[in-house]
Amino acid sequence: MTSPGSIAALFAKVMETYGRLDVLFNNAGMGAPQVNFEDLSLEQWQGVVNTNLTRPVPVHPARVPHHEGPDPARRPHHQ
């Protein structure tokens, strides 16, 4: 999740191996250390926010070409 290049490589490998992507569960995350909130460092807080909120965002644009595929009947419908 922390490397956009590894995300692209993952989807390339999926396409090479399976030829398509049917379902994506974007389910990576981390929690903060078990400390009092006032003892949580800014670096620790930013690590949690970046991993849980920011890092999943590049996954979706990377998967769209693979998810849609050549068959229009299999393309996701967005509203």
N, C-alpha and C. Protein backbone atom coordinates (compact mmCIF):
# COMPACT_ATOMS: atom_id res chain seq x y z
N MET A 1 0.81 -1.20 0.00
CA MET A 1 0.00 0.00 0.00
C MET A 1 0.85 1.26 0.00
N THR A 2 2.07 1.19 0.44
CA THR A 2 2.88 2.40 0.55
C THR A 2 3.66 2.70 -0.72
N SER A 3 3.57 1.85 -1.72
CA SER A 3 4.33 2.06 -2.95
C SER A 3 3.41 1.96 -4.17
N PRO A 4 3.15 3.10 -4.85
CA PRO A 4 2.30 3.04 -6.05
C PRO A 4 2.84 2.08 -7.11
N GLY A 5 4.17 1.96 -7.19
CA GLY A 5 4.75 1.02 -8.15
C GLY A 5 4.38 -0.42 -7.85
N SER A 6 4.32 -0.76 -6.57
CA SER A 6 3.95 -2.13 -6.22
C SER A 6 2.47 -2.39 -6.50
N ILE A 7 1.66 -1.36 -6.38
CA ILE A 7 0.23 -1.50 -6.71
C ILE A 7 0.08 -1.79 -8.20
N ALA A 8 0.78 -1.04 -9.03
CA ALA A 8 0.72 -1.27 -10.48
C ALA A 8 1.24 -2.65 -10.83
N ALA A 9 2.31 -3.08 -10.17
CA ALA A 9 2.87 -4.42 -10.43
C ALA A 9 1.89 -5.51 -10.03
N LEU A 10 1.19 -5.31 -8.93
CA LEU A 10 0.19 -6.28 -8.49
C LEU A 10 -0.89 -6.46 -9.55
N PHE A 11 -1.43 -5.37 -10.07
CA PHE A 11 -2.49 -5.48 -11.07
C PHE A 11 -1.97 -6.05 -12.37
N ALA A 12 -0.73 -5.74 -12.73
CA ALA A 12 -0.14 -6.34 -13.93
C ALA A 12 -0.04 -7.85 -13.78
N LYS A 13 0.36 -8.31 -12.59
CA LYS A 13 0.48 -9.75 -12.33
C LYS A 13 -0.89 -10.42 -12.34
N VAL A 14 -1.90 -9.76 -11.78
CA VAL A 14 -3.26 -10.31 -11.81
C VAL A 14 -3.71 -10.49 -13.26
N MET A 15 -3.48 -9.48 -14.09
CA MET A 15 -3.90 -9.57 -15.49
C MET A 15 -3.13 -10.64 -16.24
N GLU A 16 -1.84 -10.74 -15.96
CA GLU A 16 -1.01 -11.77 -16.60
C GLU A 16 -1.49 -13.17 -16.21
N THR A 17 -1.83 -13.34 -14.95
CA THR A 17 -2.19 -14.66 -14.43
C THR A 17 -3.63 -15.03 -14.74
N TYR A 18 -4.57 -14.08 -14.53
CA TYR A 18 -5.99 -14.41 -14.62
C TYR A 18 -6.71 -13.75 -15.79
N GLY A 19 -6.13 -12.70 -16.36
CA GLY A 19 -6.74 -12.04 -17.51
C GLY A 19 -7.80 -11.01 -17.18
N ARG A 20 -8.22 -10.93 -15.93
CA ARG A 20 -9.23 -9.95 -15.55
C ARG A 20 -9.27 -9.83 -14.02
N LEU A 21 -9.97 -8.80 -13.57
CA LEU A 21 -10.20 -8.59 -12.15
C LEU A 21 -11.70 -8.45 -11.95
N ASP A 22 -12.27 -9.32 -11.16
CA ASP A 22 -13.71 -9.29 -10.94
C ASP A 22 -14.10 -8.52 -9.69
N VAL A 23 -13.34 -8.64 -8.61
CA VAL A 23 -13.70 -8.04 -7.33
C VAL A 23 -12.43 -7.48 -6.68
N LEU A 24 -12.57 -6.33 -6.04
CA LEU A 24 -11.45 -5.74 -5.31
C LEU A 24 -11.93 -5.38 -3.91
N PHE A 25 -11.28 -5.95 -2.91
CA PHE A 25 -11.51 -5.56 -1.52
C PHE A 25 -10.30 -4.75 -1.09
N ASN A 26 -10.48 -3.48 -0.95
CA ASN A 26 -9.40 -2.59 -0.54
C ASN A 26 -9.40 -2.56 0.98
N ASN A 27 -8.72 -3.51 1.60
CA ASN A 27 -8.88 -3.74 3.02
C ASN A 27 -7.53 -3.79 3.73
N ALA A 28 -6.77 -2.74 3.62
CA ALA A 28 -5.50 -2.65 4.36
C ALA A 28 -5.64 -1.53 5.37
N GLY A 29 -5.00 -1.71 6.47
CA GLY A 29 -5.08 -0.66 7.47
C GLY A 29 -4.20 -0.97 8.67
N MET A 30 -4.10 0.00 9.52
CA MET A 30 -3.32 -0.17 10.74
C MET A 30 -3.94 0.67 11.84
N GLY A 31 -3.62 0.33 13.05
CA GLY A 31 -4.09 1.09 14.20
C GLY A 31 -2.94 1.80 14.88
N ALA A 32 -3.28 2.72 15.73
CA ALA A 32 -2.27 3.44 16.51
C ALA A 32 -1.81 2.58 17.68
N PRO A 33 -0.64 2.84 18.19
CA PRO A 33 -0.19 2.12 19.39
C PRO A 33 -1.16 2.35 20.55
N GLN A 34 -1.21 1.41 21.45
CA GLN A 34 -2.11 1.49 22.61
C GLN A 34 -1.50 2.43 23.66
N VAL A 35 -1.63 3.72 23.41
CA VAL A 35 -1.15 4.74 24.34
C VAL A 35 -2.26 5.76 24.55
N ASN A 36 -2.13 6.56 25.59
CA ASN A 36 -3.06 7.67 25.76
C ASN A 36 -2.94 8.61 24.58
N PHE A 37 -4.05 9.19 24.17
CA PHE A 37 -4.04 10.04 22.99
C PHE A 37 -2.98 11.14 23.08
N GLU A 38 -2.82 11.72 24.25
CA GLU A 38 -1.84 12.81 24.39
C GLU A 38 -0.40 12.31 24.25
N ASP A 39 -0.19 11.00 24.35
CA ASP A 39 1.15 10.44 24.18
C ASP A 39 1.42 9.95 22.76
N LEU A 40 0.41 10.05 21.92
CA LEU A 40 0.56 9.63 20.52
C LEU A 40 1.31 10.70 19.76
N SER A 41 2.41 10.34 19.15
CA SER A 41 3.21 11.33 18.42
C SER A 41 2.54 11.69 17.11
N LEU A 42 2.88 12.84 16.59
CA LEU A 42 2.35 13.27 15.29
C LEU A 42 2.75 12.28 14.21
N GLU A 43 3.95 11.77 14.27
CA GLU A 43 4.42 10.80 13.28
C GLU A 43 3.57 9.52 13.32
N GLN A 44 3.24 9.05 14.51
CA GLN A 44 2.39 7.87 14.64
C GLN A 44 0.99 8.15 14.08
N TRP A 45 0.44 9.29 14.42
CA TRP A 45 -0.88 9.69 13.93
C TRP A 45 -0.89 9.76 12.41
N GLN A 46 0.12 10.40 11.83
CA GLN A 46 0.18 10.53 10.38
C GLN A 46 0.35 9.18 9.70
N GLY A 47 1.07 8.26 10.34
CA GLY A 47 1.21 6.91 9.78
C GLY A 47 -0.14 6.21 9.68
N VAL A 48 -0.95 6.34 10.71
CA VAL A 48 -2.28 5.73 10.71
C VAL A 48 -3.16 6.37 9.64
N VAL A 49 -3.20 7.69 9.60
CA VAL A 49 -4.03 8.40 8.63
C VAL A 49 -3.59 8.09 7.20
N ASN A 50 -2.28 8.12 6.96
CA ASN A 50 -1.80 7.84 5.61
C ASN A 50 -2.12 6.42 5.17
N THR A 51 -1.94 5.47 6.06
CA THR A 51 -2.22 4.07 5.70
C THR A 51 -3.70 3.82 5.51
N ASN A 52 -4.52 4.34 6.39
CA ASN A 52 -5.95 4.02 6.36
C ASN A 52 -6.76 4.89 5.40
N LEU A 53 -6.36 6.14 5.19
CA LEU A 53 -7.16 7.05 4.38
C LEU A 53 -6.52 7.42 3.06
N THR A 54 -5.23 7.67 3.05
CA THR A 54 -4.58 8.17 1.84
C THR A 54 -4.10 7.05 0.92
N ARG A 55 -3.47 6.04 1.47
CA ARG A 55 -2.86 4.99 0.65
C ARG A 55 -3.85 4.18 -0.18
N PRO A 56 -5.06 3.93 0.27
CA PRO A 56 -5.99 3.16 -0.59
C PRO A 56 -6.41 3.89 -1.86
N VAL A 57 -6.32 5.21 -1.88
CA VAL A 57 -6.82 5.98 -3.02
C VAL A 57 -6.16 5.59 -4.34
N PRO A 58 -4.82 5.43 -4.43
CA PRO A 58 -4.23 5.07 -5.73
C PRO A 58 -4.62 3.69 -6.25
N VAL A 59 -5.17 2.85 -5.40
CA VAL A 59 -5.55 1.52 -5.84
C VAL A 59 -6.69 1.58 -6.85
N HIS A 60 -7.65 2.45 -6.64
CA HIS A 60 -8.83 2.47 -7.52
C HIS A 60 -8.51 2.91 -8.94
N PRO A 61 -7.77 3.98 -9.17
CA PRO A 61 -7.42 4.29 -10.56
C PRO A 61 -6.57 3.21 -11.21
N ALA A 62 -5.74 2.53 -10.42
CA ALA A 62 -4.89 1.47 -10.98
C ALA A 62 -5.71 0.28 -11.43
N ARG A 63 -6.83 0.01 -10.78
CA ARG A 63 -7.61 -1.18 -11.10
C ARG A 63 -8.66 -0.94 -12.17
N VAL A 64 -9.06 0.27 -12.44
CA VAL A 64 -10.17 0.53 -13.35
C VAL A 64 -9.97 -0.10 -14.73
N PRO A 65 -8.82 0.07 -15.40
CA PRO A 65 -8.69 -0.55 -16.72
C PRO A 65 -8.79 -2.07 -16.66
N HIS A 66 -8.35 -2.67 -15.58
CA HIS A 66 -8.37 -4.12 -15.46
C HIS A 66 -9.77 -4.62 -15.10
N HIS A 67 -10.47 -3.84 -14.32
CA HIS A 67 -11.80 -4.25 -13.87
C HIS A 67 -12.81 -4.17 -15.01
N GLU A 68 -12.71 -3.15 -15.81
CA GLU A 68 -13.70 -2.96 -16.86
C GLU A 68 -13.56 -4.00 -17.96
N GLY A 69 -12.34 -4.29 -18.37
CA GLY A 69 -12.12 -5.30 -19.38
C GLY A 69 -12.74 -4.95 -20.72
N PRO A 70 -12.58 -5.83 -21.69
CA PRO A 70 -13.06 -5.54 -23.04
C PRO A 70 -14.55 -5.76 -23.22
N ASP A 71 -15.20 -6.50 -22.34
CA ASP A 71 -16.61 -6.84 -22.49
C ASP A 71 -17.48 -5.81 -21.77
N PRO A 72 -18.24 -4.97 -22.50
CA PRO A 72 -19.06 -3.95 -21.85
C PRO A 72 -20.06 -4.51 -20.86
N ALA A 73 -20.53 -5.73 -21.05
CA ALA A 73 -21.50 -6.32 -20.14
C ALA A 73 -20.91 -6.57 -18.76
N ARG A 74 -19.57 -6.65 -18.66
CA ARG A 74 -18.91 -6.92 -17.39
C ARG A 74 -18.41 -5.66 -16.71
N ARG A 75 -18.61 -4.51 -17.32
CA ARG A 75 -18.12 -3.25 -16.75
C ARG A 75 -18.99 -2.84 -15.58
N PRO A 76 -18.35 -2.27 -14.54
CA PRO A 76 -19.15 -1.79 -13.42
C PRO A 76 -19.99 -0.59 -13.79
N HIS A 77 -21.12 -0.44 -13.18
CA HIS A 77 -21.98 0.70 -13.42
C HIS A 77 -21.86 1.66 -12.25
N HIS A 78 -21.54 2.90 -12.54
CA HIS A 78 -21.36 3.89 -11.49
C HIS A 78 -22.50 4.89 -11.56
N GLN A 79 -23.02 5.27 -10.42
CA GLN A 79 -24.09 6.25 -10.40
C GLN A 79 -23.70 7.41 -9.56
